[in-house]
C-alpha atoms as a PDB file:
ATOM      1  CA  MET A   1       0.000   0.000   0.000  1.00  0.00           C
ATOM      2  CA  THR A   2       1.381   3.402  -0.956  1.00  0.00           C
ATOM      3  CA  LYS A   3       0.764   6.847   0.487  1.00  0.00           C
ATOM      4  CA  ALA A   4      -1.595   7.530  -2.437  1.00  0.00           C
ATOM      5  CA  ASP A   5      -3.573   4.386  -1.536  1.00  0.00           C
ATOM      6  CA  ILE A   6      -3.860   5.568   2.066  1.00  0.00           C
ATOM      7  CA  VAL A   7      -5.025   9.004   0.906  1.00  0.00           C
ATOM      8  CA  ASN A   8      -7.673   7.381  -1.328  1.00  0.00           C
ATOM      9  CA  GLU A   9      -8.872   5.087   1.475  1.00  0.00           C
ATOM     10  CA  VAL A  10      -9.146   7.870   4.069  1.00  0.00           C
ATOM     11  CA  SER A  11     -10.836  10.178   1.564  1.00  0.00           C
ATOM     12  CA  LYS A  12     -13.351   7.486   0.646  1.00  0.00           C
ATOM     13  CA  LYS A  13     -14.169   6.620   4.282  1.00  0.00           C
ATOM     14  CA  THR A  14     -14.398  10.200   5.576  1.00  0.00           C
ATOM     15  CA  GLY A  15     -15.733  12.077   2.549  1.00  0.00           C
ATOM     16  CA  ILE A  16     -12.917  14.631   2.859  1.00  0.00           C
ATOM     17  CA  GLU A  17     -11.247  15.812  -0.349  1.00  0.00           C
ATOM     18  CA  LYS A  18      -8.090  13.935  -1.333  1.00  0.00           C
ATOM     19  CA  VAL A  19      -6.006  17.132  -1.368  1.00  0.00           C
ATOM     20  CA  VAL A  20      -6.932  17.872   2.252  1.00  0.00           C
ATOM     21  CA  VAL A  21      -6.300  14.283   3.341  1.00  0.00           C
ATOM     22  CA  GLN A  22      -2.925  14.226   1.569  1.00  0.00           C
ATOM     23  CA  LYS A  23      -1.882  17.466   3.281  1.00  0.00           C
ATOM     24  CA  ALA A  24      -2.944  16.062   6.681  1.00  0.00           C
ATOM     25  CA  ILE A  25      -1.054  12.804   6.176  1.00  0.00           C
ATOM     26  CA  GLU A  26       2.084  14.572   4.951  1.00  0.00           C
ATOM     27  CA  SER A  27       1.894  17.009   7.886  1.00  0.00           C
ATOM     28  CA  SER A  28       1.599  14.068  10.292  1.00  0.00           C
ATOM     29  CA  MET A  29       4.643  12.393   8.768  1.00  0.00           C
ATOM     30  CA  GLU A  30       6.638  15.629   8.951  1.00  0.00           C
ATOM     31  CA  ALA A  31       5.674  16.074  12.619  1.00  0.00           C
ATOM     32  CA  ILE A  32       6.846  12.524  13.390  1.00  0.00           C
ATOM     33  CA  LYS A  33      10.145  13.084  11.536  1.00  0.00           C
ATOM     34  CA  LYS A  34      10.719  16.398  13.339  1.00  0.00           C
ATOM     35  CA  ALA A  35      10.041  14.833  16.741  1.00  0.00           C
ATOM     36  CA  LEU A  36      12.450  11.964  16.058  1.00  0.00           C
ATOM     37  CA  LYS A  37      15.092  14.359  14.738  1.00  0.00           C
ATOM     38  CA  GLU A  38      14.858  16.279  18.017  1.00  0.00           C
ATOM     39  CA  GLY A  39      15.280  13.028  19.960  1.00  0.00           C
ATOM     40  CA  ASN A  40      11.650  12.717  21.068  1.00  0.00           C
ATOM     41  CA  ASN A  41       9.654   9.508  20.753  1.00  0.00           C
ATOM     42  CA  VAL A  42       6.151   9.485  19.237  1.00  0.00           C
ATOM     43  CA  TYR A  43       3.491   7.277  20.833  1.00  0.00           C
ATOM     44  CA  LEU A  44       0.272   6.495  18.943  1.00  0.00           C
ATOM     45  CA  ARG A  45      -1.971   4.554  21.317  1.00  0.00           C
ATOM     46  CA  GLY A  46      -3.314   1.384  19.724  1.00  0.00           C
ATOM     47  CA  PHE A  47      -0.942   1.685  16.748  1.00  0.00           C
ATOM     48  CA  GLY A  48       2.634   1.801  17.973  1.00  0.00           C
ATOM     49  CA  SER A  49       5.648   3.900  18.877  1.00  0.00           C
ATOM     50  CA  PHE A  50       8.206   5.631  16.714  1.00  0.00           C
ATOM     51  CA  VAL A  51      11.426   5.711  18.736  1.00  0.00           C
ATOM     52  CA  VAL A  52      15.028   6.730  18.265  1.00  0.00           C
ATOM     53  CA  LYS A  53      17.503   3.940  18.929  1.00  0.00           C
ATOM     54  CA  GLU A  54      21.172   4.589  19.584  1.00  0.00           C
ATOM     55  CA  ARG A  55      23.674   2.407  17.784  1.00  0.00           C
ATOM     56  CA  ALA A  56      27.083   2.116  19.422  1.00  0.00           C
ATOM     57  CA  GLU A  57      30.346   2.589  17.564  1.00  0.00           C
ATOM     58  CA  LYS A  58      31.515  -0.634  15.973  1.00  0.00           C
ATOM     59  CA  THR A  59      34.295  -2.071  13.860  1.00  0.00           C
ATOM     60  CA  ALA A  60      33.423  -3.485  10.449  1.00  0.00           C
ATOM     61  CA  ARG A  61      35.396  -5.071   7.654  1.00  0.00           C
ATOM     62  CA  ASN A  62      35.473  -4.282   3.960  1.00  0.00           C
ATOM     63  CA  ILE A  63      36.060  -7.768   2.602  1.00  0.00           C
ATOM     64  CA  ALA A  64      36.759  -6.592  -0.954  1.00  0.00           C
ATOM     65  CA  LYS A  65      39.656  -4.334   0.118  1.00  0.00           C
ATOM     66  CA  ASN A  66      40.570  -6.362   3.214  1.00  0.00           C
ATOM     67  CA  THR A  67      40.430  -3.287   5.430  1.00  0.00           C
ATOM     68  CA  THR A  68      38.885  -2.459   8.767  1.00  0.00           C
ATOM     69  CA  ILE A  69      36.651   0.573   9.187  1.00  0.00           C
ATOM     70  CA  ILE A  70      35.078   2.189  12.213  1.00  0.00           C
ATOM     71  CA  ILE A  71      31.359   2.898  12.009  1.00  0.00           C
ATOM     72  CA  PRO A  72      30.690   5.796  14.408  1.00  0.00           C
ATOM     73  CA  ALA A  73      27.876   5.805  16.950  1.00  0.00           C
ATOM     74  CA  HIS A  74      24.627   7.006  15.411  1.00  0.00           C
ATOM     75  CA  ASN A  75      20.871   7.158  15.914  1.00  0.00           C
ATOM     76  CA  VAL A  76      18.333   5.259  13.823  1.00  0.00           C
ATOM     77  CA  PRO A  77      14.540   5.528  13.734  1.00  0.00           C
ATOM     78  CA  ALA A  78      12.564   2.443  14.723  1.00  0.00           C
ATOM     79  CA  PHE A  79       8.918   1.450  14.967  1.00  0.00           C
ATOM     80  CA  LYS A  80       7.493  -0.774  17.682  1.00  0.00           C
ATOM     81  CA  PRO A  81       3.898  -1.860  17.013  1.00  0.00           C
ATOM     82  CA  ALA A  82       1.358  -1.842  19.839  1.00  0.00           C
ATOM     83  CA  LYS A  83       0.150  -5.168  21.227  1.00  0.00           C
ATOM     84  CA  THR A  84      -3.354  -4.563  19.861  1.00  0.00           C
ATOM     85  CA  PHE A  85      -1.890  -3.844  16.411  1.00  0.00           C
ATOM     86  CA  ILE A  86       0.177  -7.040  16.533  1.00  0.00           C
ATOM     87  CA  SER A  87      -2.845  -9.130  17.557  1.00  0.00           C
ATOM     88  CA  VAL A  88      -4.946  -7.720  14.685  1.00  0.00           C
ATOM     89  CA  VAL A  89      -2.256  -8.643  12.153  1.00  0.00           C
ATOM     90  CA  LYS A  90      -1.683 -12.096  13.667  1.00  0.00           C
ATOM     91  CA  ASN A  91      -5.391 -12.954  13.781  1.00  0.00           C
ATOM     92  CA  ASN A  92      -5.902 -11.827  10.194  1.00  0.00           C
ATOM     93  CA  ASN A  93      -3.346 -14.338   8.880  1.00  0.00           C
ATOM     94  CA  LYS A  94      -5.206 -17.378  10.258  1.00  0.00           C
END
């Protein structure tokens, strides 16, 4: 499912124009990205949590050149689904 599919689905279910729905969805995504960039987690009850995870510095190898490189510590975004969300997906696959 793409963002356009989500916009169409929300527009169809709510009766709101697609342009308005698209702007709302894009604004929501920008707000989530901004919060994560600032180091804040985003919690959507019943859906899940967008969190920032810290990755420690580590040593890696470039096998092709037979060299060792250091990957510096960095942050990565992660999503943890809510238990209710997980149960809906699990029960749908049966």
